[in-house]
Amino acid sequence: MQKRSLTIAGHRTSLALEPEFWAGLEAIAAARDLPLAAVIRDIDEGRDEPNLSSAVRVAVLRWYQAGGS
């Protein structure tokens, strides 16, 4: 598990994920030409899961299932 602190929509938070999910988030950010915090903010705003970490994992999985683009 890797824990990182970031600011989302003006609020500081921390997120603990496996390195593979951080790598997936970084791939999404690069593909969308967005900062990592912006990708996480978008996931946070559209999530159905009560837990942000779970929502991020699902978003990364769905991105790869859709072809990673």
C-alpha atoms as a PDB file:
ATOM      1  CA  MET A   1       0.000   0.000   0.000  1.00  0.00           C
ATOM      2  CA  GLN A   2       1.177   3.468  -0.839  1.00  0.00           C
ATOM      3  CA  LYS A   3      -0.401   6.450   0.860  1.00  0.00           C
ATOM      4  CA  ARG A   4      -0.366   9.840  -0.841  1.00  0.00           C
ATOM      5  CA  SER A   5      -1.732  13.180   0.282  1.00  0.00           C
ATOM      6  CA  LEU A   6      -3.415  15.472  -2.213  1.00  0.00           C
ATOM      7  CA  THR A   7      -5.849  18.336  -2.535  1.00  0.00           C
ATOM      8  CA  ILE A   8      -9.217  17.620  -4.134  1.00  0.00           C
ATOM      9  CA  ALA A   9     -11.629  20.508  -4.684  1.00  0.00           C
ATOM     10  CA  GLY A  10      -9.775  22.600  -2.115  1.00  0.00           C
ATOM     11  CA  HIS A  11      -9.697  19.914   0.585  1.00  0.00           C
ATOM     12  CA  ARG A  12      -6.638  17.977   1.719  1.00  0.00           C
ATOM     13  CA  THR A  13      -7.080  14.216   1.858  1.00  0.00           C
ATOM     14  CA  SER A  14      -4.963  11.114   1.742  1.00  0.00           C
ATOM     15  CA  LEU A  15      -5.501   8.015  -0.321  1.00  0.00           C
ATOM     16  CA  ALA A  16      -3.943   4.590   0.241  1.00  0.00           C
ATOM     17  CA  LEU A  17      -3.769   2.329  -2.816  1.00  0.00           C
ATOM     18  CA  GLU A  18      -1.684  -0.527  -4.123  1.00  0.00           C
ATOM     19  CA  PRO A  19       1.171   0.603  -6.420  1.00  0.00           C
ATOM     20  CA  GLU A  20      -0.605  -0.938  -9.432  1.00  0.00           C
ATOM     21  CA  PHE A  21      -3.618   1.323  -8.913  1.00  0.00           C
ATOM     22  CA  TRP A  22      -1.408   4.397  -8.577  1.00  0.00           C
ATOM     23  CA  ALA A  23       0.211   3.390 -11.867  1.00  0.00           C
ATOM     24  CA  GLY A  24      -3.244   3.018 -13.432  1.00  0.00           C
ATOM     25  CA  LEU A  25      -4.275   6.458 -12.201  1.00  0.00           C
ATOM     26  CA  GLU A  26      -1.090   7.953 -13.609  1.00  0.00           C
ATOM     27  CA  ALA A  27      -1.826   6.281 -16.958  1.00  0.00           C
ATOM     28  CA  ILE A  28      -5.348   7.735 -16.946  1.00  0.00           C
ATOM     29  CA  ALA A  29      -3.989  11.190 -16.097  1.00  0.00           C
ATOM     30  CA  ALA A  30      -1.435  10.991 -18.908  1.00  0.00           C
ATOM     31  CA  ALA A  31      -4.018   9.783 -21.425  1.00  0.00           C
ATOM     32  CA  ARG A  32      -6.373  12.620 -20.493  1.00  0.00           C
ATOM     33  CA  ASP A  33      -3.570  15.177 -20.157  1.00  0.00           C
ATOM     34  CA  LEU A  34      -4.766  16.037 -16.651  1.00  0.00           C
ATOM     35  CA  PRO A  35      -3.053  16.286 -13.287  1.00  0.00           C
ATOM     36  CA  LEU A  36      -3.499  13.232 -11.074  1.00  0.00           C
ATOM     37  CA  ALA A  37      -5.534  15.259  -8.560  1.00  0.00           C
ATOM     38  CA  ALA A  38      -7.985  16.255 -11.312  1.00  0.00           C
ATOM     39  CA  VAL A  39      -8.558  12.613 -12.269  1.00  0.00           C
ATOM     40  CA  ILE A  40      -9.171  11.685  -8.629  1.00  0.00           C
ATOM     41  CA  ARG A  41     -11.485  14.690  -8.233  1.00  0.00           C
ATOM     42  CA  ASP A  42     -13.527  13.528 -11.240  1.00  0.00           C
ATOM     43  CA  ILE A  43     -13.778  10.035  -9.772  1.00  0.00           C
ATOM     44  CA  ASP A  44     -14.769  11.486  -6.390  1.00  0.00           C
ATOM     45  CA  GLU A  45     -17.506  13.637  -7.906  1.00  0.00           C
ATOM     46  CA  GLY A  46     -19.028  10.770  -9.891  1.00  0.00           C
ATOM     47  CA  ARG A  47     -18.672   7.903  -7.471  1.00  0.00           C
ATOM     48  CA  ASP A  48     -21.390   5.549  -6.310  1.00  0.00           C
ATOM     49  CA  GLU A  49     -19.158   3.795  -3.796  1.00  0.00           C
ATOM     50  CA  PRO A  50     -19.071   5.261  -0.273  1.00  0.00           C
ATOM     51  CA  ASN A  51     -15.286   4.887  -0.093  1.00  0.00           C
ATOM     52  CA  LEU A  52     -12.987   6.935  -2.333  1.00  0.00           C
ATOM     53  CA  SER A  53     -10.312   4.230  -2.452  1.00  0.00           C
ATOM     54  CA  SER A  54     -12.863   1.712  -3.702  1.00  0.00           C
ATOM     55  CA  ALA A  55     -14.200   4.182  -6.252  1.00  0.00           C
ATOM     56  CA  VAL A  56     -10.675   4.767  -7.573  1.00  0.00           C
ATOM     57  CA  ARG A  57     -10.005   1.038  -7.894  1.00  0.00           C
ATOM     58  CA  VAL A  58     -13.278   0.537  -9.791  1.00  0.00           C
ATOM     59  CA  ALA A  59     -12.541   3.504 -12.071  1.00  0.00           C
ATOM     60  CA  VAL A  60      -9.073   2.166 -12.908  1.00  0.00           C
ATOM     61  CA  LEU A  61     -10.490  -1.303 -13.580  1.00  0.00           C
ATOM     62  CA  ARG A  62     -13.209   0.099 -15.832  1.00  0.00           C
ATOM     63  CA  TRP A  63     -10.681   2.226 -17.731  1.00  0.00           C
ATOM     64  CA  TYR A  64      -8.546  -0.819 -18.475  1.00  0.00           C
ATOM     65  CA  GLN A  65     -11.608  -2.903 -19.369  1.00  0.00           C
ATOM     66  CA  ALA A  66     -12.583  -0.188 -21.875  1.00  0.00           C
ATOM     67  CA  GLY A  67      -9.225  -0.472 -23.571  1.00  0.00           C
ATOM     68  CA  GLY A  68      -7.216   1.941 -21.503  1.00  0.00           C
ATOM     69  CA  SER A  69      -7.987   5.049 -23.478  1.00  0.00           C
END
